[in-house]
Amino acid sequence: MFQQAGRGYDMAITQFSPEGRLFQVEYAIEAVRRGTTAICARNKNSVVFAVEKKSSDLQENIGSEKIFKIDNHIGVAIAGLTADARVLIDKGRVQAQIHLLNYDEKINVKELTLEICEILQAYTQNAGVRPFGVSFLIAGIDPDGETALFLTDPSGALWGYRAFAIGSGANEARTYLEENYKEDISDDDLKLLPLKALKEIMGDENLNEKTCDVAYILKDQKQFILLNNDEKKELLSKI
């Protein structure tokens, strides 16, 4: 008989192994590592998202499956299970509206991220459920005008970044970002940076307007904008 990967300690989400590991959480993290690449970067003014997109000539374009709008000032890029992501994004959208109704101001990025992480963490300790197999890059512009970018993982942990990548090509993308990101990067260069990182992973021949999605939030507009194919083609012509 083959020995189970978790030696039986992965049969229940609430059971720790003798080494202190929760194997089902680790399996969820592995689902993220195998997902399509998602990249986000920010400067003092704006945030930009770019994701790898798997598509077919027969597939209808019904919008991005890896970049989502939570509110006008907050967006999210995902790696992992899209269906799991939609559940959490819907909860995030509701929380954003509750905050607006209660306090008459928009929710800030960190507070929204913490709300989502509370749900993620709860699904690592309750019987009869499984962890969400998705990680988020949540970014936007806070009501005070500051930009923010946070990473979540299936355990419910979060980290703040200026630029980051998740998914199958994350290591190569992070290396590119570490080498090329500057804190004083201009808005025009910021729009191209995640695409240039994707280009390092996908290559010239595979990166085009049909194989990626791009979105950004600019400080002067404070509006989530998902680019259409013509806009993506124009942006790609600059790299």
Protein backbone atom coordinates (compact mmCIF):
# COMPACT_ATOMS: atom_id res chain seq x y z
CA MET A 1 0.00 0.00 0.00
CA PHE A 2 1.15 3.53 -0.74
CA GLN A 3 1.79 5.74 2.27
CA GLN A 4 -0.42 8.80 2.39
CA ALA A 5 1.31 12.14 1.86
CA GLY A 6 0.15 13.44 5.22
CA ARG A 7 0.51 10.05 6.97
CA GLY A 8 -3.15 10.23 7.91
CA TYR A 9 -2.88 13.69 9.49
CA ASP A 10 -4.54 15.27 6.44
CA MET A 11 -7.86 13.49 7.00
CA ALA A 12 -9.29 16.38 9.03
CA ILE A 13 -8.63 20.10 8.78
CA THR A 14 -8.40 20.50 12.56
CA GLN A 15 -5.73 17.84 13.10
CA PHE A 16 -2.10 18.89 13.54
CA SER A 17 0.71 16.53 12.59
CA PRO A 18 3.43 15.86 15.18
CA GLU A 19 5.53 18.46 13.36
CA GLY A 20 2.83 21.09 13.92
CA ARG A 21 1.64 21.14 10.31
CA LEU A 22 -1.89 21.45 8.93
CA PHE A 23 -1.62 19.48 5.72
CA GLN A 24 -4.91 20.64 4.21
CA VAL A 25 -3.74 24.24 4.49
CA GLU A 26 -0.50 23.26 2.76
CA TYR A 27 -2.48 21.54 0.00
CA ALA A 28 -4.48 24.75 -0.47
CA ILE A 29 -1.24 26.73 -0.73
CA GLU A 30 -0.05 24.24 -3.36
CA ALA A 31 -3.23 24.95 -5.37
CA VAL A 32 -2.19 28.61 -5.37
CA ARG A 33 1.34 27.75 -6.55
CA ARG A 34 -0.13 25.87 -9.51
CA GLY A 35 -2.46 28.73 -10.49
CA THR A 36 -1.91 31.24 -13.26
CA THR A 37 0.49 34.07 -12.47
CA ALA A 38 -0.89 37.28 -10.95
CA ILE A 39 1.18 40.42 -10.37
CA CYS A 40 0.44 43.71 -8.64
CA ALA A 41 2.56 46.80 -8.04
CA ARG A 42 1.96 50.23 -6.55
CA ASN A 43 3.60 53.60 -6.20
CA LYS A 44 2.51 56.68 -4.22
CA ASN A 45 -0.26 57.43 -6.71
CA SER A 46 -1.60 54.27 -8.32
CA VAL A 47 -1.88 50.48 -8.29
CA VAL A 48 -1.64 48.18 -11.32
CA PHE A 49 -2.72 44.54 -11.75
CA ALA A 50 -1.66 42.12 -14.49
CA VAL A 51 -2.51 38.42 -14.74
CA GLU A 52 -1.82 35.55 -17.06
CA LYS A 53 -4.99 34.50 -18.90
CA LYS A 54 -5.75 31.05 -20.29
CA SER A 55 -8.23 31.32 -23.17
CA SER A 56 -9.52 29.43 -26.18
CA ASP A 57 -10.61 30.65 -29.63
CA LEU A 58 -14.07 29.25 -28.85
CA GLN A 59 -14.35 30.94 -25.48
CA GLU A 60 -16.56 34.00 -25.11
CA ASN A 61 -15.13 37.04 -23.36
CA ILE A 62 -17.29 37.61 -20.26
CA GLY A 63 -14.73 39.63 -18.33
CA SER A 64 -11.65 38.79 -16.35
CA GLU A 65 -11.59 35.59 -14.29
CA LYS A 66 -8.49 36.60 -12.33
CA ILE A 67 -8.92 40.34 -11.64
CA PHE A 68 -11.98 41.63 -9.82
CA LYS A 69 -13.35 44.94 -8.61
CA ILE A 70 -14.35 45.04 -4.94
CA ASP A 71 -15.14 48.77 -4.85
CA ASN A 72 -14.23 51.74 -7.01
CA HIS A 73 -11.02 52.22 -5.02
CA ILE A 74 -10.07 48.56 -4.41
CA GLY A 75 -9.31 45.65 -6.75
CA VAL A 76 -7.96 42.15 -6.37
CA ALA A 77 -5.90 39.74 -8.46
CA ILE A 78 -6.07 36.04 -7.65
CA ALA A 79 -4.14 32.80 -8.05
CA GLY A 80 -5.78 29.47 -7.32
CA LEU A 81 -9.40 28.36 -7.50
CA THR A 82 -11.54 31.04 -9.12
CA ALA A 83 -14.77 29.64 -7.66
CA ASP A 84 -13.37 29.96 -4.13
CA ALA A 85 -12.25 33.49 -4.92
CA ARG A 86 -15.71 34.59 -6.03
CA VAL A 87 -17.22 33.63 -2.67
CA LEU A 88 -14.66 35.71 -0.77
CA ILE A 89 -14.88 38.62 -3.20
CA ASP A 90 -18.66 38.76 -2.79
CA LYS A 91 -18.19 38.88 0.98
CA GLY A 92 -15.61 41.63 0.54
CA ARG A 93 -17.99 43.66 -1.62
CA VAL A 94 -20.72 43.37 0.99
CA GLN A 95 -18.32 44.42 3.76
CA ALA A 96 -17.23 47.45 1.72
CA GLN A 97 -20.85 48.59 1.37
CA ILE A 98 -21.63 47.93 5.04
CA HIS A 99 -18.67 50.12 6.02
CA LEU A 100 -19.84 52.88 3.68
CA LEU A 101 -23.36 52.80 5.10
CA ASN A 102 -22.22 52.69 8.73
CA TYR A 103 -19.44 55.27 8.61
CA ASP A 104 -20.21 57.31 5.47
CA GLU A 105 -16.70 56.70 4.15
CA LYS A 106 -15.03 54.09 2.02
CA ILE A 107 -13.28 51.17 3.68
CA ASN A 108 -9.48 51.20 3.61
CA VAL A 109 -7.54 48.39 1.96
CA LYS A 110 -6.05 46.89 5.12
CA GLU A 111 -9.37 46.75 6.95
CA LEU A 112 -11.02 44.99 4.02
CA THR A 113 -8.09 42.55 3.79
CA LEU A 114 -8.40 41.74 7.49
CA GLU A 115 -12.11 40.99 7.05
CA ILE A 116 -11.32 38.50 4.28
CA CYS A 117 -8.48 36.98 6.29
CA GLU A 118 -10.86 36.40 9.22
CA ILE A 119 -12.96 34.19 6.93
CA LEU A 120 -9.90 32.42 5.55
CA GLN A 121 -8.60 31.63 9.02
CA ALA A 122 -11.98 30.36 10.26
CA TYR A 123 -11.94 27.78 7.47
CA THR A 124 -8.68 26.33 8.82
CA GLN A 125 -10.09 25.41 12.23
CA ASN A 126 -13.71 24.29 11.73
CA ALA A 127 -14.72 20.70 11.03
CA GLY A 128 -16.73 19.91 7.94
CA VAL A 129 -15.11 22.58 5.75
CA ARG A 130 -11.89 22.93 3.78
CA PRO A 131 -9.54 25.88 3.35
CA PHE A 132 -10.08 28.25 0.44
CA GLY A 133 -7.61 27.31 -2.29
CA VAL A 134 -6.85 30.85 -3.35
CA SER A 135 -4.51 33.73 -2.59
CA PHE A 136 -5.29 37.40 -3.17
CA LEU A 137 -3.30 40.46 -4.10
CA ILE A 138 -5.62 43.15 -2.72
CA ALA A 139 -4.68 46.71 -3.63
CA GLY A 140 -6.21 50.13 -3.88
CA ILE A 141 -6.22 53.73 -2.75
CA ASP A 142 -7.32 54.47 0.81
CA PRO A 143 -9.69 57.36 1.64
CA ASP A 144 -6.67 59.38 2.83
CA GLY A 145 -5.07 59.05 -0.62
CA GLU A 146 -2.40 56.49 0.31
CA THR A 147 -1.97 53.39 -1.83
CA ALA A 148 -1.77 49.92 -0.28
CA LEU A 149 -1.11 46.34 -1.43
CA PHE A 150 -1.61 43.20 0.66
CA LEU A 151 -1.08 39.51 0.03
CA THR A 152 -3.32 36.88 1.63
CA ASP A 153 -2.81 33.13 1.71
CA PRO A 154 -5.20 30.24 2.53
CA SER A 155 -4.13 30.23 6.18
CA GLY A 156 -5.54 33.72 6.70
CA ALA A 157 -2.15 35.40 7.02
CA LEU A 158 -1.47 38.72 5.31
CA TRP A 159 1.60 40.73 4.31
CA GLY A 160 2.05 44.22 2.90
CA TYR A 161 4.11 44.83 -0.26
CA ARG A 162 5.03 47.48 -2.81
CA ALA A 163 5.04 44.86 -5.57
CA PHE A 164 4.45 41.12 -5.53
CA ALA A 165 3.51 38.10 -7.64
CA ILE A 166 1.69 34.83 -6.94
CA GLY A 167 0.94 31.71 -8.96
CA SER A 168 3.00 29.31 -11.05
CA GLY A 169 5.42 31.94 -12.37
CA ALA A 170 5.75 33.82 -9.10
CA ASN A 171 9.44 33.16 -8.45
CA GLU A 172 10.57 34.52 -11.83
CA ALA A 173 8.19 37.47 -11.57
CA ARG A 174 9.34 38.36 -8.06
CA THR A 175 12.96 38.28 -9.18
CA TYR A 176 12.13 40.70 -12.00
CA LEU A 177 10.20 43.00 -9.66
CA GLU A 178 13.02 43.04 -7.09
CA GLU A 179 15.49 44.01 -9.80
CA ASN A 180 13.37 46.65 -11.56
CA TYR A 181 10.96 48.16 -9.04
CA LYS A 182 11.76 51.63 -7.68
CA GLU A 183 9.80 53.49 -5.01
CA ASP A 184 9.69 56.64 -7.14
CA ILE A 185 8.49 54.80 -10.26
CA SER A 186 6.22 56.93 -12.45
CA ASP A 187 2.62 56.02 -13.25
CA ASP A 188 3.49 55.34 -16.90
CA ASP A 189 6.33 52.99 -15.95
CA LEU A 190 4.19 51.36 -13.26
CA LYS A 191 1.56 50.42 -15.85
CA LEU A 192 4.22 48.53 -17.82
CA LEU A 193 6.10 46.91 -14.93
CA PRO A 194 3.73 43.95 -14.24
CA LEU A 195 3.43 43.29 -17.99
CA LYS A 196 7.20 43.27 -18.35
CA ALA A 197 7.36 40.74 -15.51
CA LEU A 198 4.75 38.60 -17.29
CA LYS A 199 6.80 38.85 -20.47
CA GLU A 200 9.77 37.32 -18.63
CA ILE A 201 7.59 34.31 -17.78
CA MET A 202 5.48 33.88 -20.90
CA GLY A 203 7.85 35.09 -23.61
CA ASP A 204 7.22 37.50 -26.51
CA GLU A 205 5.37 34.96 -28.60
CA ASN A 206 2.83 34.08 -25.91
CA LEU A 207 2.08 37.47 -24.37
CA ASN A 208 -0.65 39.36 -26.20
CA GLU A 209 -3.96 41.10 -25.49
CA LYS A 210 -5.78 37.73 -25.37
CA THR A 211 -3.42 36.02 -22.92
CA CYS A 212 -3.35 38.64 -20.17
CA ASP A 213 -5.66 40.94 -18.25
CA VAL A 214 -4.66 44.35 -16.93
CA ALA A 215 -6.38 46.73 -14.52
CA TYR A 216 -5.36 49.79 -12.59
CA ILE A 217 -6.58 52.41 -10.14
CA LEU A 218 -5.15 55.91 -10.55
CA LYS A 219 -5.06 58.43 -7.72
CA ASP A 220 -6.58 61.28 -9.75
CA GLN A 221 -9.53 59.13 -10.86
CA LYS A 222 -9.86 56.71 -7.89
CA GLN A 223 -11.70 54.41 -10.25
CA PHE A 224 -11.07 50.71 -10.92
CA ILE A 225 -10.43 50.31 -14.67
CA LEU A 226 -10.21 46.92 -16.42
CA LEU A 227 -8.63 47.36 -19.83
CA ASN A 228 -10.30 46.03 -22.98
CA ASN A 229 -8.39 44.23 -25.76
CA ASP A 230 -7.62 47.41 -27.72
CA GLU A 231 -6.28 49.15 -24.63
CA LYS A 232 -4.17 46.12 -23.71
CA LYS A 233 -2.79 45.93 -27.25
CA GLU A 234 -1.76 49.59 -27.09
CA LEU A 235 -0.10 49.08 -23.70
CA LEU A 236 1.76 45.96 -24.88
CA SER A 237 3.12 47.86 -27.88
CA LYS A 238 5.10 50.03 -25.43
CA ILE A 239 7.14 47.18 -23.88
